[in-house]
Amino acid sequence: IYSMAPPTFIRCSESEQISELKSFLKKFGAEKIDKSEVTQDNWPTAFIKCIPQLSVCWKNDKVTEQQAVELLNTVSSLIIQLPTANIKDAVNKLCDLYEDFGEKKNRKQL
């Protein structure tokens, strides 16, 4: 039976989701992770700082397709929850990330 996977960090506050996201990215080799504490007040900024590091999803062979899909579902959910003032910056960084993905040399071989 086929079922869709739930978002990776379901039932967590935004700050908890960003902390988990940072841990996941660090575990899989992202090197430029901000080490500052994430709070409910600063989570939008902390999230936007993580977006460029999401490339680990398609550059690290240890990240499974399922993990990458779940992570990108979580990212989509977080973008929807961003305050209006932060959306443009987040979407622009995500577009830059997808342009990077579009370059075959920047992807792991499937």
Protein backbone atom coordinates (compact mmCIF):
# COMPACT_ATOMS: atom_id res chain seq x y z
CA ILE A 1 0.00 0.00 0.00
CA TYR A 2 1.39 3.37 -1.02
CA SER A 3 1.12 6.28 1.39
CA MET A 4 2.64 9.72 1.40
CA ALA A 5 5.22 10.43 4.08
CA PRO A 6 4.37 13.09 6.65
CA PRO A 7 6.61 16.15 6.94
CA THR A 8 9.86 15.32 8.70
CA PHE A 9 9.43 17.44 11.82
CA ILE A 10 5.68 17.30 12.38
CA ARG A 11 4.19 18.50 15.69
CA CYS A 12 7.10 20.75 16.61
CA SER A 13 7.25 24.49 17.04
CA GLU A 14 8.96 26.38 14.25
CA SER A 15 12.05 26.91 16.41
CA GLU A 16 12.24 23.17 17.17
CA GLN A 17 11.88 22.40 13.46
CA ILE A 18 14.76 24.71 12.61
CA SER A 19 16.93 23.18 15.35
CA GLU A 20 16.20 19.70 13.96
CA LEU A 21 16.85 20.94 10.44
CA LYS A 22 20.23 22.34 11.49
CA SER A 23 21.14 19.04 13.17
CA PHE A 24 20.13 17.06 10.07
CA LEU A 25 22.15 19.30 7.76
CA LYS A 26 25.20 19.17 10.01
CA LYS A 27 24.95 15.36 10.27
CA PHE A 28 25.14 15.09 6.49
CA GLY A 29 28.04 17.46 5.99
CA ALA A 30 26.69 20.99 5.73
CA GLU A 31 29.56 23.15 6.91
CA LYS A 32 28.10 26.64 7.26
CA ILE A 33 25.44 26.02 9.89
CA ASP A 34 24.75 28.95 12.18
CA LYS A 35 25.42 27.84 15.75
CA SER A 36 23.20 30.40 17.46
CA GLU A 37 20.17 29.29 19.45
CA VAL A 38 16.87 29.23 17.58
CA THR A 39 13.89 30.82 19.32
CA GLN A 40 10.32 31.52 18.29
CA ASP A 41 11.41 35.13 17.74
CA ASN A 42 14.36 34.44 15.43
CA TRP A 43 13.29 31.25 13.65
CA PRO A 44 12.53 32.98 10.31
CA THR A 45 16.06 34.37 10.08
CA ALA A 46 17.59 31.09 11.26
CA PHE A 47 15.56 29.19 8.66
CA ILE A 48 16.59 31.48 5.81
CA LYS A 49 20.25 30.99 6.80
CA CYS A 50 19.75 27.21 6.45
CA ILE A 51 18.32 27.28 2.92
CA PRO A 52 21.65 27.40 1.03
CA GLN A 53 22.82 24.38 3.05
CA LEU A 54 19.94 22.25 1.75
CA SER A 55 22.10 21.35 -1.24
CA VAL A 56 23.46 18.57 0.95
CA CYS A 57 20.27 16.71 -0.06
CA TRP A 58 21.50 16.17 -3.60
CA LYS A 59 25.24 16.28 -3.04
CA ASN A 60 25.66 13.71 -0.26
CA ASP A 61 25.17 10.05 -1.22
CA LYS A 62 24.16 9.19 2.35
CA VAL A 63 20.97 11.28 2.10
CA THR A 64 18.29 8.96 0.77
CA GLU A 65 15.68 10.07 -1.71
CA GLN A 66 13.03 9.63 0.99
CA GLN A 67 14.96 11.85 3.42
CA ALA A 68 15.41 14.53 0.76
CA VAL A 69 11.69 14.49 -0.10
CA GLU A 70 10.71 14.71 3.58
CA LEU A 71 13.16 17.53 4.14
CA LEU A 72 11.87 19.51 1.18
CA ASN A 73 8.29 18.95 2.39
CA THR A 74 9.32 20.44 5.72
CA VAL A 75 10.97 23.38 3.99
CA SER A 76 7.80 24.03 2.01
CA SER A 77 5.74 23.94 5.21
CA LEU A 78 8.09 26.38 6.91
CA ILE A 79 7.99 28.82 4.00
CA ILE A 80 4.21 28.91 4.26
CA GLN A 81 4.52 29.76 7.97
CA LEU A 82 7.03 32.58 7.47
CA PRO A 83 6.01 36.13 8.27
CA THR A 84 5.22 38.04 5.07
CA ALA A 85 8.34 40.20 5.42
CA ASN A 86 10.60 37.11 5.18
CA ILE A 87 8.99 35.25 2.29
CA LYS A 88 10.74 37.06 -0.57
CA ASP A 89 14.21 36.40 0.85
CA ALA A 90 13.41 32.74 1.54
CA VAL A 91 11.94 32.14 -1.92
CA ASN A 92 14.88 33.87 -3.63
CA LYS A 93 17.36 31.68 -1.73
CA LEU A 94 15.34 28.59 -2.57
CA CYS A 95 15.30 29.56 -6.26
CA ASP A 96 19.09 29.99 -6.16
CA LEU A 97 19.33 26.55 -4.59
CA TYR A 98 17.20 24.98 -7.32
CA GLU A 99 19.30 26.68 -10.02
CA ASP A 100 22.35 25.04 -8.44
CA PHE A 101 20.52 21.71 -8.54
CA GLY A 102 19.83 22.25 -12.23
CA GLU A 103 23.54 21.97 -12.95
CA LYS A 104 24.21 18.25 -13.42
CA LYS A 105 27.75 18.63 -12.04
CA ASN A 106 26.23 19.71 -8.70
CA ARG A 107 24.18 16.54 -8.20
CA LYS A 108 25.11 13.10 -6.97
CA GLN A 109 24.74 10.37 -9.55
CA LEU A 110 21.57 8.33 -9.22
